[in-house]
Amino acid sequence: MEAKVVYVSQMVSDQDRALDYYTNVLGFEKRVDAPTPEGPRFLTVAAKGQDFEMVLWPGTPGQGQPVYGRHPATWTIETPDCRAAYAELKSRGVQFETDIEEYAWGYVAVFVDPDGNRLQIRQGR
């Protein structure tokens, strides 16, 4: 089977607040904003230049099983310079759960969106 993932849903408590955070704080683009019949709107954002989109869907943010004493990130955002991205995002008010952590494969720092969804920035070696 040939396949391509185009959407993944991120559960959010307030679509407008989530849209503001993902576009104005993280710098993603709004792609789709359309009402659905008798329900919430279909709202997506994506990293600039990528086809893969995140659906900001109303719901209760979930938590995965903890690893190393904390819950895992649901999204990983690759960056060429983890330290610069960390400083920029922190200056925009992003709440990091970790400092930049170094591993054999590279660097990572975990942060949370306004609903408590965990994301991380990553720089490979």
PDB file of N, CA and C in Angstrom:
ATOM      1  N   MET A   1       0.833  -1.178   0.000  1.00  0.00           N
ATOM      2  CA  MET A   1       0.000   0.000   0.000  1.00  0.00           C
ATOM      3  C   MET A   1       0.880   1.244   0.000  1.00  0.00           C
ATOM      4  N   GLU A   2       0.642   2.123  -0.901  1.00  0.00           N
ATOM      5  CA  GLU A   2       1.311   3.414  -0.905  1.00  0.00           C
ATOM      6  C   GLU A   2       0.446   4.370  -0.108  1.00  0.00           C
ATOM      7  N   ALA A   3       1.022   5.083   0.835  1.00  0.00           N
ATOM      8  CA  ALA A   3       0.228   5.956   1.696  1.00  0.00           C
ATOM      9  C   ALA A   3       1.019   7.193   2.082  1.00  0.00           C
ATOM     10  N   LYS A   4       0.284   8.191   2.516  1.00  0.00           N
ATOM     11  CA  LYS A   4       0.886   9.439   2.967  1.00  0.00           C
ATOM     12  C   LYS A   4       0.017   9.984   4.094  1.00  0.00           C
ATOM     13  N   VAL A   5       0.587  10.253   5.249  1.00  0.00           N
ATOM     14  CA  VAL A   5      -0.165  10.833   6.357  1.00  0.00           C
ATOM     15  C   VAL A   5      -0.299  12.333   6.094  1.00  0.00           C
ATOM     16  N   VAL A   6      -1.523  12.827   6.161  1.00  0.00           N
ATOM     17  CA  VAL A   6      -1.742  14.247   5.890  1.00  0.00           C
ATOM     18  C   VAL A   6      -2.267  15.024   7.092  1.00  0.00           C
ATOM     19  N   TYR A   7      -2.973  14.333   8.023  1.00  0.00           N
ATOM     20  CA  TYR A   7      -3.510  14.995   9.208  1.00  0.00           C
ATOM     21  C   TYR A   7      -3.258  14.152  10.447  1.00  0.00           C
ATOM     22  N   VAL A   8      -3.019  14.826  11.568  1.00  0.00           N
ATOM     23  CA  VAL A   8      -3.036  14.223  12.886  1.00  0.00           C
ATOM     24  C   VAL A   8      -3.759  15.222  13.779  1.00  0.00           C
ATOM     25  N   SER A   9      -4.618  14.733  14.664  1.00  0.00           N
ATOM     26  CA  SER A   9      -5.393  15.630  15.519  1.00  0.00           C
ATOM     27  C   SER A   9      -4.700  15.893  16.847  1.00  0.00           C
ATOM     28  N   GLN A  10      -4.739  17.141  17.252  1.00  0.00           N
ATOM     29  CA  GLN A  10      -4.265  17.580  18.559  1.00  0.00           C
ATOM     30  C   GLN A  10      -5.502  18.060  19.308  1.00  0.00           C
ATOM     31  N   MET A  11      -5.802  17.450  20.454  1.00  0.00           N
ATOM     32  CA  MET A  11      -6.979  17.839  21.220  1.00  0.00           C
ATOM     33  C   MET A  11      -6.704  19.146  21.959  1.00  0.00           C
ATOM     34  N   VAL A  12      -7.616  20.096  21.826  1.00  0.00           N
ATOM     35  CA  VAL A  12      -7.472  21.412  22.441  1.00  0.00           C
ATOM     36  C   VAL A  12      -8.776  21.806  23.122  1.00  0.00           C
ATOM     37  N   SER A  13      -8.686  22.614  24.164  1.00  0.00           N
ATOM     38  CA  SER A  13      -9.888  23.035  24.878  1.00  0.00           C
ATOM     39  C   SER A  13     -10.542  24.254  24.238  1.00  0.00           C
ATOM     40  N   ASP A  14      -9.784  25.037  23.477  1.00  0.00           N
ATOM     41  CA  ASP A  14     -10.301  26.247  22.846  1.00  0.00           C
ATOM     42  C   ASP A  14      -9.600  26.417  21.494  1.00  0.00           C
ATOM     43  N   GLN A  15     -10.339  26.278  20.408  1.00  0.00           N
ATOM     44  CA  GLN A  15      -9.724  26.330  19.084  1.00  0.00           C
ATOM     45  C   GLN A  15      -9.097  27.687  18.785  1.00  0.00           C
ATOM     46  N   ASP A  16      -9.742  28.784  19.177  1.00  0.00           N
ATOM     47  CA  ASP A  16      -9.182  30.105  18.900  1.00  0.00           C
ATOM     48  C   ASP A  16      -7.872  30.321  19.650  1.00  0.00           C
ATOM     49  N   ARG A  17      -7.834  29.925  20.914  1.00  0.00           N
ATOM     50  CA  ARG A  17      -6.607  30.069  21.698  1.00  0.00           C
ATOM     51  C   ARG A  17      -5.500  29.202  21.112  1.00  0.00           C
ATOM     52  N   ALA A  18      -5.836  27.972  20.722  1.00  0.00           N
ATOM     53  CA  ALA A  18      -4.846  27.080  20.122  1.00  0.00           C
ATOM     54  C   ALA A  18      -4.338  27.636  18.797  1.00  0.00           C
ATOM     55  N   LEU A  19      -5.240  28.163  17.972  1.00  0.00           N
ATOM     56  CA  LEU A  19      -4.828  28.751  16.694  1.00  0.00           C
ATOM     57  C   LEU A  19      -3.861  29.907  16.920  1.00  0.00           C
ATOM     58  N   ASP A  20      -4.160  30.765  17.874  1.00  0.00           N
ATOM     59  CA  ASP A  20      -3.274  31.890  18.184  1.00  0.00           C
ATOM     60  C   ASP A  20      -1.899  31.386  18.618  1.00  0.00           C
ATOM     61  N   TYR A  21      -1.859  30.388  19.476  1.00  0.00           N
ATOM     62  CA  TYR A  21      -0.596  29.853  19.964  1.00  0.00           C
ATOM     63  C   TYR A  21       0.226  29.230  18.839  1.00  0.00           C
ATOM     64  N   TYR A  22      -0.386  28.347  18.066  1.00  0.00           N
ATOM     65  CA  TYR A  22       0.365  27.633  17.037  1.00  0.00           C
ATOM     66  C   TYR A  22       0.805  28.538  15.887  1.00  0.00           C
ATOM     67  N   THR A  23       0.039  29.591  15.604  1.00  0.00           N
ATOM     68  CA  THR A  23       0.442  30.489  14.511  1.00  0.00           C
ATOM     69  C   THR A  23       1.311  31.642  15.014  1.00  0.00           C
ATOM     70  N   ASN A  24       0.879  32.345  16.031  1.00  0.00           N
ATOM     71  CA  ASN A  24       1.599  33.537  16.472  1.00  0.00           C
ATOM     72  C   ASN A  24       2.782  33.263  17.387  1.00  0.00           C
ATOM     73  N   VAL A  25       2.735  32.174  18.135  1.00  0.00           N
ATOM     74  CA  VAL A  25       3.852  31.860  19.037  1.00  0.00           C
ATOM     75  C   VAL A  25       4.832  30.901  18.370  1.00  0.00           C
ATOM     76  N   LEU A  26       4.311  29.784  17.817  1.00  0.00           N
ATOM     77  CA  LEU A  26       5.207  28.801  17.202  1.00  0.00           C
ATOM     78  C   LEU A  26       5.533  29.109  15.744  1.00  0.00           C
ATOM     79  N   GLY A  27       4.744  29.953  15.086  1.00  0.00           N
ATOM     80  CA  GLY A  27       5.047  30.343  13.710  1.00  0.00           C
ATOM     81  C   GLY A  27       4.505  29.415  12.642  1.00  0.00           C
ATOM     82  N   PHE A  28       3.534  28.554  12.987  1.00  0.00           N
ATOM     83  CA  PHE A  28       2.916  27.691  11.981  1.00  0.00           C
ATOM     84  C   PHE A  28       1.952  28.520  11.124  1.00  0.00           C
ATOM     85  N   GLU A  29       1.516  27.953  10.014  1.00  0.00           N
ATOM     86  CA  GLU A  29       0.543  28.599   9.140  1.00  0.00           C
ATOM     87  C   GLU A  29      -0.843  28.003   9.376  1.00  0.00           C
ATOM     88  N   LYS A  30      -1.870  28.858   9.326  1.00  0.00           N
ATOM     89  CA  LYS A  30      -3.235  28.327   9.334  1.00  0.00           C
ATOM     90  C   LYS A  30      -3.509  27.847   7.916  1.00  0.00           C
ATOM     91  N   ARG A  31      -4.020  26.615   7.782  1.00  0.00           N
ATOM     92  CA  ARG A  31      -4.288  26.052   6.458  1.00  0.00           C
ATOM     93  C   ARG A  31      -5.777  25.968   6.155  1.00  0.00           C
ATOM     94  N   VAL A  32      -6.560  25.385   7.077  1.00  0.00           N
ATOM     95  CA  VAL A  32      -7.996  25.210   6.848  1.00  0.00           C
ATOM     96  C   VAL A  32      -8.739  25.721   8.072  1.00  0.00           C
ATOM     97  N   ASP A  33      -9.807  26.455   7.825  1.00  0.00           N
ATOM     98  CA  ASP A  33     -10.671  26.917   8.906  1.00  0.00           C
ATOM     99  C   ASP A  33     -12.091  26.891   8.366  1.00  0.00           C
ATOM    100  N   ALA A  34     -12.771  25.760   8.552  1.00  0.00           N
ATOM    101  CA  ALA A  34     -14.090  25.572   7.961  1.00  0.00           C
ATOM    102  C   ALA A  34     -15.052  24.981   8.985  1.00  0.00           C
ATOM    103  N   PRO A  35     -16.273  25.539   9.051  1.00  0.00           N
ATOM    104  CA  PRO A  35     -17.256  24.962   9.966  1.00  0.00           C
ATOM    105  C   PRO A  35     -17.680  23.575   9.494  1.00  0.00           C
ATOM    106  N   THR A  36     -18.093  22.743  10.450  1.00  0.00           N
ATOM    107  CA  THR A  36     -18.640  21.433  10.110  1.00  0.00           C
ATOM    108  C   THR A  36     -20.129  21.467  10.432  1.00  0.00           C
ATOM    109  N   PRO A  37     -20.941  20.681   9.744  1.00  0.00           N
ATOM    110  CA  PRO A  37     -22.374  20.668  10.039  1.00  0.00           C
ATOM    111  C   PRO A  37     -22.617  20.236  11.485  1.00  0.00           C
ATOM    112  N   GLU A  38     -23.265  21.091  12.244  1.00  0.00           N
ATOM    113  CA  GLU A  38     -23.652  20.790  13.626  1.00  0.00           C
ATOM    114  C   GLU A  38     -22.487  20.388  14.527  1.00  0.00           C
ATOM    115  N   GLY A  39     -21.337  20.974  14.322  1.00  0.00           N
ATOM    116  CA  GLY A  39     -20.202  20.626  15.164  1.00  0.00           C
ATOM    117  C   GLY A  39     -19.137  21.697  15.135  1.00  0.00           C
ATOM    118  N   PRO A  40     -17.987  21.397  15.721  1.00  0.00           N
ATOM    119  CA  PRO A  40     -16.891  22.365  15.737  1.00  0.00           C
ATOM    120  C   PRO A  40     -16.305  22.554  14.342  1.00  0.00           C
ATOM    121  N   ARG A  41     -15.542  23.590  14.191  1.00  0.00           N
ATOM    122  CA  ARG A  41     -14.941  23.822  12.878  1.00  0.00           C
ATOM    123  C   ARG A  41     -13.740  22.914  12.667  1.00  0.00           C
ATOM    124  N   PHE A  42     -13.472  22.620  11.401  1.00  0.00           N
ATOM    125  CA  PHE A  42     -12.294  21.842  11.019  1.00  0.00           C
ATOM    126  C   PHE A  42     -11.182  22.858  10.843  1.00  0.00           C
ATOM    127  N   LEU A  43     -10.185  22.810  11.734  1.00  0.00           N
ATOM    128  CA  LEU A  43      -9.147  23.825  11.805  1.00  0.00           C
ATOM    129  C   LEU A  43      -7.789  23.147  11.769  1.00  0.00           C
ATOM    130  N   THR A  44      -6.954  23.533  10.791  1.00  0.00           N
ATOM    131  CA  THR A  44      -5.633  22.918  10.699  1.00  0.00           C
ATOM    132  C   THR A  44      -4.531  23.973  10.634  1.00  0.00           C
ATOM    133  N   VAL A  45      -3.359  23.580  11.113  1.00  0.00           N
ATOM    134  CA  VAL A  45      -2.139  24.379  11.020  1.00  0.00           C
ATOM    135  C   VAL A  45      -1.020  23.461  10.535  1.00  0.00           C
ATOM    136  N   ALA A  46       0.033  24.071  10.018  1.00  0.00           N
ATOM    137  CA  ALA A  46       1.171  23.282   9.538  1.00  0.00           C
ATOM    138  C   ALA A  46       2.431  24.128   9.581  1.00  0.00           C
ATOM    139  N   ALA A  47       3.556  23.447   9.648  1.00  0.00           N
ATOM    140  CA  ALA A  47       4.845  24.128   9.516  1.00  0.00           C
ATOM    141  C   ALA A  47       4.960  24.629   8.086  1.00  0.00           C
ATOM    142  N   LYS A  48       5.508  25.808   7.926  1.00  0.00           N
ATOM    143  CA  LYS A  48       5.644  26.406   6.600  1.00  0.00           C
ATOM    144  C   LYS A  48       6.414  25.488   5.661  1.00  0.00           C
ATOM    145  N   GLY A  49       5.877  25.307   4.461  1.00  0.00           N
ATOM    146  CA  GLY A  49       6.538  24.503   3.450  1.00  0.00           C
ATOM    147  C   GLY A  49       6.293  23.013   3.552  1.00  0.00           C
ATOM    148  N   GLN A  50       5.439  22.572   4.491  1.00  0.00           N
ATOM    149  CA  GLN A  50       5.172  21.143   4.650  1.00  0.00           C
ATOM    150  C   GLN A  50       3.708  20.838   4.352  1.00  0.00           C
ATOM    151  N   ASP A  51       3.458  19.645   3.826  1.00  0.00           N
ATOM    152  CA  ASP A  51       2.092  19.212   3.534  1.00  0.00           C
ATOM    153  C   ASP A  51       1.377  18.669   4.757  1.00  0.00           C
ATOM    154  N   PHE A  52       2.094  18.124   5.698  1.00  0.00           N
ATOM    155  CA  PHE A  52       1.544  17.484   6.889  1.00  0.00           C
ATOM    156  C   PHE A  52       0.870  18.528   7.775  1.00  0.00           C
ATOM    157  N   GLU A  53      -0.391  18.291   8.163  1.00  0.00           N
ATOM    158  CA  GLU A  53      -1.147  19.266   8.934  1.00  0.00           C
ATOM    159  C   GLU A  53      -1.616  18.705  10.273  1.00  0.00           C
ATOM    160  N   MET A  54      -1.697  19.584  11.268  1.00  0.00           N
ATOM    161  CA  MET A  54      -2.210  19.256  12.585  1.00  0.00           C
ATOM    162  C   MET A  54      -3.626  19.814  12.675  1.00  0.00           C
ATOM    163  N   VAL A  55      -4.585  18.949  13.007  1.00  0.00           N
ATOM    164  CA  VAL A  55      -5.965  19.375  13.204  1.00  0.00           C
ATOM    165  C   VAL A  55      -6.113  19.798  14.662  1.00  0.00           C
ATOM    166  N   LEU A  56      -6.540  21.035  14.898  1.00  0.00           N
ATOM    167  CA  LEU A  56      -6.786  21.522  16.251  1.00  0.00           C
ATOM    168  C   LEU A  56      -8.253  21.234  16.557  1.00  0.00           C
ATOM    169  N   TRP A  57      -8.505  20.100  17.210  1.00  0.00           N
ATOM    170  CA  TRP A  57      -9.860  19.591  17.406  1.00  0.00           C
ATOM    171  C   TRP A  57     -10.265  19.698  18.869  1.00  0.00           C
ATOM    172  N   PRO A  58     -11.476  20.157  19.145  1.00  0.00           N
ATOM    173  CA  PRO A  58     -11.922  20.253  20.531  1.00  0.00           C
ATOM    174  C   PRO A  58     -11.943  18.892  21.221  1.00  0.00           C
ATOM    175  N   GLY A  59     -11.433  18.850  22.426  1.00  0.00           N
ATOM    176  CA  GLY A  59     -11.410  17.601  23.177  1.00  0.00           C
ATOM    177  C   GLY A  59     -10.519  17.728  24.391  1.00  0.00           C
ATOM    178  N   THR A  60     -10.350  16.648  25.076  1.00  0.00           N
ATOM    179  CA  THR A  60      -9.509  16.617  26.267  1.00  0.00           C
ATOM    180  C   THR A  60      -8.113  16.154  25.880  1.00  0.00           C
ATOM    181  N   PRO A  61      -7.120  17.002  26.105  1.00  0.00           N
ATOM    182  CA  PRO A  61      -5.754  16.583  25.795  1.00  0.00           C
ATOM    183  C   PRO A  61      -5.391  15.315  26.566  1.00  0.00           C
ATOM    184  N   GLY A  62      -4.762  14.358  25.869  1.00  0.00           N
ATOM    185  CA  GLY A  62      -4.400  13.084  26.486  1.00  0.00           C
ATOM    186  C   GLY A  62      -2.991  13.092  27.037  1.00  0.00           C
ATOM    187  N   GLN A  63      -2.693  12.070  27.787  1.00  0.00           N
ATOM    188  CA  GLN A  63      -1.358  11.905  28.332  1.00  0.00           C
ATOM    189  C   GLN A  63      -0.906  10.479  28.089  1.00  0.00           C
ATOM    190  N   GLY A  64       0.257  10.352  27.518  1.00  0.00           N
ATOM    191  CA  GLY A  64       0.833   9.032  27.312  1.00  0.00           C
ATOM    192  C   GLY A  64       1.449   8.503  28.597  1.00  0.00           C
ATOM    193  N   GLN A  65       1.906   7.291  28.549  1.00  0.00           N
ATOM    194  CA  GLN A  65       2.564   6.683  29.709  1.00  0.00           C
ATOM    195  C   GLN A  65       3.901   7.378  29.948  1.00  0.00           C
ATOM    196  N   PRO A  66       4.204   7.757  31.186  1.00  0.00           N
ATOM    197  CA  PRO A  66       5.457   8.458  31.466  1.00  0.00           C
ATOM    198  C   PRO A  66       6.692   7.623  31.123  1.00  0.00           C
ATOM    199  N   VAL A  67       7.737   8.317  30.718  1.00  0.00           N
ATOM    200  CA  VAL A  67       9.046   7.726  30.483  1.00  0.00           C
ATOM    201  C   VAL A  67      10.074   8.691  31.073  1.00  0.00           C
ATOM    202  N   TYR A  68      11.050   8.182  31.757  1.00  0.00           N
ATOM    203  CA  TYR A  68      12.042   9.008  32.449  1.00  0.00           C
ATOM    204  C   TYR A  68      11.379  10.003  33.401  1.00  0.00           C
ATOM    205  N   GLY A  69      10.244   9.605  33.986  1.00  0.00           N
ATOM    206  CA  GLY A  69       9.585  10.452  34.968  1.00  0.00           C
ATOM    207  C   GLY A  69       8.702  11.549  34.407  1.00  0.00           C
ATOM    208  N   ARG A  70       8.505  11.597  33.094  1.00  0.00           N
ATOM    209  CA  ARG A  70       7.624  12.622  32.525  1.00  0.00           C
ATOM    210  C   ARG A  70       6.848  12.045  31.348  1.00  0.00           C
ATOM    211  N   HIS A  71       5.757  12.708  31.014  1.00  0.00           N
ATOM    212  CA  HIS A  71       4.939  12.264  29.894  1.00  0.00           C
ATOM    213  C   HIS A  71       5.628  12.630  28.571  1.00  0.00           C
ATOM    214  N   PRO A  72       5.498  11.778  27.559  1.00  0.00           N
ATOM    215  CA  PRO A  72       6.189  12.028  26.292  1.00  0.00           C
ATOM    216  C   PRO A  72       5.538  13.152  25.481  1.00  0.00           C
ATOM    217  N   ALA A  73       6.313  13.728  24.600  1.00  0.00           N
ATOM    218  CA  ALA A  73       5.802  14.738  23.676  1.00  0.00           C
ATOM    219  C   ALA A  73       4.976  14.051  22.593  1.00  0.00           C
ATOM    220  N   THR A  74       3.930  14.715  22.160  1.00  0.00           N
ATOM    221  CA  THR A  74       3.109  14.168  21.081  1.00  0.00           C
ATOM    222  C   THR A  74       3.604  14.631  19.714  1.00  0.00           C
ATOM    223  N   TRP A  75       4.376  15.678  19.687  1.00  0.00           N
ATOM    224  CA  TRP A  75       4.921  16.226  18.442  1.00  0.00           C
ATOM    225  C   TRP A  75       6.397  16.527  18.627  1.00  0.00           C
ATOM    226  N   THR A  76       7.180  16.289  17.587  1.00  0.00           N
ATOM    227  CA  THR A  76       8.590  16.671  17.575  1.00  0.00           C
ATOM    228  C   THR A  76       8.808  17.600  16.398  1.00  0.00           C
ATOM    229  N   ILE A  77       9.358  18.757  16.669  1.00  0.00           N
ATOM    230  CA  ILE A  77       9.631  19.756  15.641  1.00  0.00           C
ATOM    231  C   ILE A  77      11.139  19.811  15.444  1.00  0.00           C
ATOM    232  N   GLU A  78      11.583  19.420  14.270  1.00  0.00           N
ATOM    233  CA  GLU A  78      13.015  19.418  13.952  1.00  0.00           C
ATOM    234  C   GLU A  78      13.477  20.845  13.692  1.00  0.00           C
ATOM    235  N   THR A  79      14.638  21.189  14.229  1.00  0.00           N
ATOM    236  CA  THR A  79      15.220  22.509  14.026  1.00  0.00           C
ATOM    237  C   THR A  79      16.719  22.351  13.789  1.00  0.00           C
ATOM    238  N   PRO A  80      17.316  23.210  12.968  1.00  0.00           N
ATOM    239  CA  PRO A  80      18.755  23.096  12.728  1.00  0.00           C
ATOM    240  C   PRO A  80      19.598  23.590  13.902  1.00  0.00           C
ATOM    241  N   ASP A  81      18.979  24.378  14.808  1.00  0.00           N
ATOM    242  CA  ASP A  81      19.723  24.933  15.942  1.00  0.00           C
ATOM    243  C   ASP A  81      18.806  24.945  17.168  1.00  0.00           C
ATOM    244  N   CYS A  82      18.907  23.920  17.973  1.00  0.00           N
ATOM    245  CA  CYS A  82      18.025  23.758  19.134  1.00  0.00           C
ATOM    246  C   CYS A  82      18.180  24.906  20.125  1.00  0.00           C
ATOM    247  N   ARG A  83      19.401  25.351  20.353  1.00  0.00           N
ATOM    248  CA  ARG A  83      19.624  26.426  21.325  1.00  0.00           C
ATOM    249  C   ARG A  83      18.984  27.736  20.871  1.00  0.00           C
ATOM    250  N   ALA A  84      19.116  28.061  19.597  1.00  0.00           N
ATOM    251  CA  ALA A  84      18.512  29.292  19.074  1.00  0.00           C
ATOM    252  C   ALA A  84      16.987  29.203  19.105  1.00  0.00           C
ATOM    253  N   ALA A  85      16.439  28.041  18.726  1.00  0.00           N
ATOM    254  CA  ALA A  85      14.985  27.853  18.746  1.00  0.00           C
ATOM    255  C   ALA A  85      14.463  27.943  20.172  1.00  0.00           C
ATOM    256  N   TYR A  86      15.167  27.334  21.113  1.00  0.00           N
ATOM    257  CA  TYR A  86      14.790  27.369  22.523  1.00  0.00           C
ATOM    258  C   TYR A  86      14.725  28.820  23.013  1.00  0.00           C
ATOM    259  N   ALA A  87      15.755  29.588  22.726  1.00  0.00           N
ATOM    260  CA  ALA A  87      15.801  30.984  23.166  1.00  0.00           C
ATOM    261  C   ALA A  87      14.681  31.800  22.519  1.00  0.00           C
ATOM    262  N   GLU A  88      14.451  31.599  21.240  1.00  0.00           N
ATOM    263  CA  GLU A  88      13.403  32.350  20.542  1.00  0.00           C
ATOM    264  C   GLU A  88      12.019  32.011  21.088  1.00  0.00           C
ATOM    265  N   LEU A  89      11.741  30.719  21.233  1.00  0.00           N
ATOM    266  CA  LEU A  89      10.427  30.312  21.730  1.00  0.00           C
ATOM    267  C   LEU A  89      10.219  30.758  23.178  1.00  0.00           C
ATOM    268  N   LYS A  90      11.246  30.665  23.985  1.00  0.00           N
ATOM    269  CA  LYS A  90      11.144  31.101  25.379  1.00  0.00           C
ATOM    270  C   LYS A  90      10.847  32.608  25.445  1.00  0.00           C
ATOM    271  N   SER A  91      11.452  33.386  24.536  1.00  0.00           N
ATOM    272  CA  SER A  91      11.202  34.832  24.516  1.00  0.00           C
ATOM    273  C   SER A  91       9.763  35.150  24.098  1.00  0.00           C
ATOM    274  N   ARG A  92       9.117  34.203  23.424  1.00  0.00           N
ATOM    275  CA  ARG A  92       7.713  34.377  23.024  1.00  0.00           C
ATOM    276  C   ARG A  92       6.747  33.859  24.078  1.00  0.00           C
ATOM    277  N   GLY A  93       7.270  33.390  25.197  1.00  0.00           N
ATOM    278  CA  GLY A  93       6.419  32.937  26.285  1.00  0.00           C
ATOM    279  C   GLY A  93       6.152  31.450  26.330  1.00  0.00           C
ATOM    280  N   VAL A  94       6.846  30.667  25.501  1.00  0.00           N
ATOM    281  CA  VAL A  94       6.656  29.218  25.530  1.00  0.00           C
ATOM    282  C   VAL A  94       7.155  28.670  26.859  1.00  0.00           C
ATOM    283  N   GLN A  95       6.349  27.799  27.467  1.00  0.00           N
ATOM    284  CA  GLN A  95       6.681  27.217  28.765  1.00  0.00           C
ATOM    285  C   GLN A  95       7.376  25.867  28.569  1.00  0.00           C
ATOM    286  N   PHE A  96       8.669  25.817  28.796  1.00  0.00           N
ATOM    287  CA  PHE A  96       9.435  24.584  28.646  1.00  0.00           C
ATOM    288  C   PHE A  96       9.393  23.772  29.928  1.00  0.00           C
ATOM    289  N   GLU A  97       9.230  22.458  29.786  1.00  0.00           N
ATOM    290  CA  GLU A  97       9.290  21.540  30.926  1.00  0.00           C
ATOM    291  C   GLU A  97      10.718  21.095  31.185  1.00  0.00           C
ATOM    292  N   THR A  98      11.566  21.169  30.169  1.00  0.00           N
ATOM    293  CA  THR A  98      12.965  20.776  30.323  1.00  0.00           C
ATOM    294  C   THR A  98      13.857  21.859  29.738  1.00  0.00           C
ATOM    295  N   ASP A  99      15.086  21.858  30.176  1.00  0.00           N
ATOM    296  CA  ASP A  99      16.100  22.641  29.486  1.00  0.00           C
ATOM    297  C   ASP A  99      16.485  21.825  28.255  1.00  0.00           C
ATOM    298  N   ILE A 100      17.442  22.291  27.503  1.00  0.00           N
ATOM    299  CA  ILE A 100      17.934  21.516  26.362  1.00  0.00           C
ATOM    300  C   ILE A 100      18.710  20.327  26.913  1.00  0.00           C
ATOM    301  N   GLU A 101      18.287  19.138  26.530  1.00  0.00           N
ATOM    302  CA  GLU A 101      18.942  17.910  26.980  1.00  0.00           C
ATOM    303  C   GLU A 101      19.779  17.344  25.845  1.00  0.00           C
ATOM    304  N   GLU A 102      20.983  16.885  26.176  1.00  0.00           N
ATOM    305  CA  GLU A 102      21.890  16.344  25.166  1.00  0.00           C
ATOM    306  C   GLU A 102      21.883  14.822  25.223  1.00  0.00           C
ATOM    307  N   TYR A 103      21.759  14.218  24.053  1.00  0.00           N
ATOM    308  CA  TYR A 103      21.808  12.763  23.909  1.00  0.00           C
ATOM    309  C   TYR A 103      22.839  12.425  22.834  1.00  0.00           C
ATOM    310  N   ALA A 104      23.155  11.156  22.695  1.00  0.00           N
ATOM    311  CA  ALA A 104      24.129  10.739  21.680  1.00  0.00           C
ATOM    312  C   ALA A 104      23.678  11.134  20.274  1.00  0.00           C
ATOM    313  N   TRP A 105      22.366  11.145  20.042  1.00  0.00           N
ATOM    314  CA  TRP A 105      21.821  11.447  18.713  1.00  0.00           C
ATOM    315  C   TRP A 105      21.578  12.931  18.468  1.00  0.00           C
ATOM    316  N   GLY A 106      21.619  13.773  19.536  1.00  0.00           N
ATOM    317  CA  GLY A 106      21.371  15.203  19.352  1.00  0.00           C
ATOM    318  C   GLY A 106      20.827  15.866  20.599  1.00  0.00           C
ATOM    319  N   TYR A 107      19.980  16.864  20.404  1.00  0.00           N
ATOM    320  CA  TYR A 107      19.468  17.694  21.489  1.00  0.00           C
ATOM    321  C   TYR A 107      17.941  17.747  21.428  1.00  0.00           C
ATOM    322  N   VAL A 108      17.321  17.938  22.594  1.00  0.00           N
ATOM    323  CA  VAL A 108      15.874  18.028  22.659  1.00  0.00           C
ATOM    324  C   VAL A 108      15.471  18.892  23.855  1.00  0.00           C
ATOM    325  N   ALA A 109      14.348  19.605  23.708  1.00  0.00           N
ATOM    326  CA  ALA A 109      13.764  20.363  24.811  1.00  0.00           C
ATOM    327  C   ALA A 109      12.247  20.231  24.696  1.00  0.00           C
ATOM    328  N   VAL A 110      11.594  19.877  25.800  1.00  0.00           N
ATOM    329  CA  VAL A 110      10.152  19.617  25.825  1.00  0.00           C
ATOM    330  C   VAL A 110       9.422  20.855  26.350  1.00  0.00           C
ATOM    331  N   PHE A 111       8.305  21.205  25.679  1.00  0.00           N
ATOM    332  CA  PHE A 111       7.472  22.314  26.128  1.00  0.00           C
ATOM    333  C   PHE A 111       6.004  21.930  26.045  1.00  0.00           C
ATOM    334  N   VAL A 112       5.148  22.767  26.620  1.00  0.00           N
ATOM    335  CA  VAL A 112       3.712  22.496  26.620  1.00  0.00           C
ATOM    336  C   VAL A 112       2.956  23.646  25.970  1.00  0.00           C
ATOM    337  N   ASP A 113       1.852  23.284  25.278  1.00  0.00           N
ATOM    338  CA  ASP A 113       0.976  24.312  24.722  1.00  0.00           C
ATOM    339  C   ASP A 113      -0.007  24.735  25.814  1.00  0.00           C
ATOM    340  N   PRO A 114      -0.901  25.694  25.545  1.00  0.00           N
ATOM    341  CA  PRO A 114      -1.818  26.160  26.588  1.00  0.00           C
ATOM    342  C   PRO A 114      -2.736  25.083  27.169  1.00  0.00           C
ATOM    343  N   ASP A 115      -2.928  23.961  26.466  1.00  0.00           N
ATOM    344  CA  ASP A 115      -3.767  22.877  26.969  1.00  0.00           C
ATOM    345  C   ASP A 115      -2.974  21.799  27.686  1.00  0.00           C
ATOM    346  N   GLY A 116      -1.663  21.945  27.766  1.00  0.00           N
ATOM    347  CA  GLY A 116      -0.835  20.943  28.423  1.00  0.00           C
ATOM    348  C   GLY A 116      -0.349  19.847  27.494  1.00  0.00           C
ATOM    349  N   ASN A 117      -0.620  19.971  26.181  1.00  0.00           N
ATOM    350  CA  ASN A 117      -0.069  19.018  25.218  1.00  0.00           C
ATOM    351  C   ASN A 117       1.435  19.224  25.160  1.00  0.00           C
ATOM    352  N   ARG A 118       2.181  18.129  25.199  1.00  0.00           N
ATOM    353  CA  ARG A 118       3.641  18.219  25.181  1.00  0.00           C
ATOM    354  C   ARG A 118       4.166  18.125  23.759  1.00  0.00           C
ATOM    355  N   LEU A 119       5.049  19.054  23.436  1.00  0.00           N
ATOM    356  CA  LEU A 119       5.741  19.068  22.156  1.00  0.00           C
ATOM    357  C   LEU A 119       7.215  19.181  22.470  1.00  0.00           C
ATOM    358  N   GLN A 120       8.056  18.952  21.470  1.00  0.00           N
ATOM    359  CA  GLN A 120       9.484  19.135  21.706  1.00  0.00           C
ATOM    360  C   GLN A 120      10.161  19.631  20.450  1.00  0.00           C
ATOM    361  N   ILE A 121      11.218  20.397  20.691  1.00  0.00           N
ATOM    362  CA  ILE A 121      12.104  20.755  19.582  1.00  0.00           C
ATOM    363  C   ILE A 121      13.276  19.803  19.640  1.00  0.00           C
ATOM    364  N   ARG A 122      13.813  19.495  18.467  1.00  0.00           N
ATOM    365  CA  ARG A 122      14.885  18.500  18.368  1.00  0.00           C
ATOM    366  C   ARG A 122      15.898  18.935  17.324  1.00  0.00           C
ATOM    367  N   GLN A 123      17.154  18.694  17.634  1.00  0.00           N
ATOM    368  CA  GLN A 123      18.237  18.898  16.667  1.00  0.00           C
ATOM    369  C   GLN A 123      19.057  17.635  16.641  1.00  0.00           C
ATOM    370  N   GLY A 124      19.131  17.004  15.483  1.00  0.00           N
ATOM    371  CA  GLY A 124      19.959  15.815  15.334  1.00  0.00           C
ATOM    372  C   GLY A 124      21.414  16.204  15.125  1.00  0.00           C
ATOM    373  N   ARG A 125      22.300  15.240  15.311  1.00  0.00           N
ATOM    374  CA  ARG A 125      23.725  15.495  15.081  1.00  0.00           C
ATOM    375  C   ARG A 125      24.057  15.322  13.621  1.00  0.00           C
TER     376      ARG A 125
END
